[in-house]
C-alpha atoms as a PDB file:
ATOM      1  CA  UNK A   1       6.145  -3.555   7.185  1.00  0.00           C
ATOM      2  CA  UNK A   2       4.309  -1.754   4.379  1.00  0.00           C
ATOM      3  CA  UNK A   3       1.342  -3.391   2.661  1.00  0.00           C
ATOM      4  CA  UNK A   4       1.546  -3.402  -1.119  1.00  0.00           C
ATOM      5  CA  UNK A   5      -1.738  -2.135  -2.540  1.00  0.00           C
ATOM      6  CA  UNK A   6      -1.493  -3.749  -5.991  1.00  0.00           C
ATOM      7  CA  UNK A   7       0.251  -7.028  -5.154  1.00  0.00           C
ATOM      8  CA  UNK A   8      -0.582  -8.925  -8.349  1.00  0.00           C
ATOM      9  CA  UNK A   9       0.295  -6.018 -10.612  1.00  0.00           C
ATOM     10  CA  UNK A  10       3.540  -5.372  -8.745  1.00  0.00           C
ATOM     11  CA  UNK A  11       4.479  -9.039  -8.967  1.00  0.00           C
ATOM     12  CA  UNK A  12       3.881  -9.055 -12.748  1.00  0.00           C
ATOM     13  CA  UNK A  13       5.870  -5.853 -13.266  1.00  0.00           C
ATOM     14  CA  UNK A  14       8.852  -7.048 -11.234  1.00  0.00           C
ATOM     15  CA  UNK A  15       8.759 -10.376 -13.044  1.00  0.00           C
ATOM     16  CA  UNK A  16       8.885  -8.596 -16.402  1.00  0.00           C
ATOM     17  CA  UNK A  17      11.828  -6.486 -15.223  1.00  0.00           C
ATOM     18  CA  UNK A  18      13.739  -9.543 -14.042  1.00  0.00           C
ATOM     19  CA  UNK A  19      13.132 -11.333 -17.350  1.00  0.00           C
ATOM     20  CA  UNK A  20      14.583  -8.377 -19.260  1.00  0.00           C
ATOM     21  CA  UNK A  21      17.523  -8.201 -16.854  1.00  0.00           C
ATOM     22  CA  UNK A  22      18.229 -11.912 -17.321  1.00  0.00           C
ATOM     23  CA  UNK A  23      18.189 -11.434 -21.098  1.00  0.00           C
ATOM     24  CA  UNK A  24      20.119  -8.150 -21.374  1.00  0.00           C
ATOM     25  CA  UNK A  25      22.236  -7.988 -18.236  1.00  0.00           C
ATOM     26  CA  UNK A  26      23.448  -4.667 -16.898  1.00  0.00           C
ATOM     27  CA  UNK A  27      25.221  -1.676 -18.401  1.00  0.00           C
ATOM     28  CA  UNK A  28      22.736  -0.409 -20.961  1.00  0.00           C
ATOM     29  CA  UNK A  29      21.031   2.964 -21.004  1.00  0.00           C
ATOM     30  CA  UNK A  30      17.365   3.298 -20.072  1.00  0.00           C
ATOM     31  CA  UNK A  31      16.001   3.285 -23.675  1.00  0.00           C
ATOM     32  CA  UNK A  32      17.392  -0.223 -24.255  1.00  0.00           C
ATOM     33  CA  UNK A  33      15.570  -1.597 -21.221  1.00  0.00           C
ATOM     34  CA  UNK A  34      12.450   0.388 -22.049  1.00  0.00           C
ATOM     35  CA  UNK A  35      12.315  -1.120 -25.537  1.00  0.00           C
ATOM     36  CA  UNK A  36      12.962  -4.610 -24.184  1.00  0.00           C
ATOM     37  CA  UNK A  37      10.226  -4.287 -21.559  1.00  0.00           C
ATOM     38  CA  UNK A  38       7.530  -3.507 -24.117  1.00  0.00           C
ATOM     39  CA  UNK A  39       7.104  -7.068 -25.479  1.00  0.00           C
ATOM     40  CA  UNK A  40       7.489  -8.501 -21.964  1.00  0.00           C
ATOM     41  CA  UNK A  41       4.724  -6.185 -20.720  1.00  0.00           C
ATOM     42  CA  UNK A  42       2.495  -7.212 -23.617  1.00  0.00           C
ATOM     43  CA  UNK A  43       3.117 -10.897 -22.893  1.00  0.00           C
ATOM     44  CA  UNK A  44       2.109 -10.373 -19.261  1.00  0.00           C
ATOM     45  CA  UNK A  45      -0.859  -8.136 -20.161  1.00  0.00           C
ATOM     46  CA  UNK A  46       0.663  -5.141 -18.378  1.00  0.00           C
ATOM     47  CA  UNK A  47      -0.642  -1.871 -19.815  1.00  0.00           C
ATOM     48  CA  UNK A  48       1.722   1.077 -19.539  1.00  0.00           C
ATOM     49  CA  UNK A  49       1.877   4.524 -21.089  1.00  0.00           C
ATOM     50  CA  UNK A  50       4.918   5.358 -23.177  1.00  0.00           C
ATOM     51  CA  UNK A  51       7.279   8.039 -21.976  1.00  0.00           C
ATOM     52  CA  UNK A  52       6.433  11.316 -23.691  1.00  0.00           C
ATOM     53  CA  UNK A  53       8.933  13.922 -24.766  1.00  0.00           C
ATOM     54  CA  UNK A  54       8.625  17.369 -23.278  1.00  0.00           C
ATOM     55  CA  UNK A  55       8.109  20.087 -25.864  1.00  0.00           C
ATOM     56  CA  UNK A  56      10.588  22.937 -26.050  1.00  0.00           C
ATOM     57  CA  UNK A  57       7.763  25.476 -26.249  1.00  0.00           C
ATOM     58  CA  UNK A  58       9.210  26.988 -29.404  1.00  0.00           C
END
């Protein structure tokens, strides 16, 4: 069995994901879940960096 290094943080993050899943259900694209997770993360004091777009280099 593998030990989880950040148990409390992992528990909070999974809880936030399950709350969003209970609210939204399945079948949406990633951006819908990403947007829905933001307020849930804030409520649970989970700090995350937003996904950045890659530049085209042009």
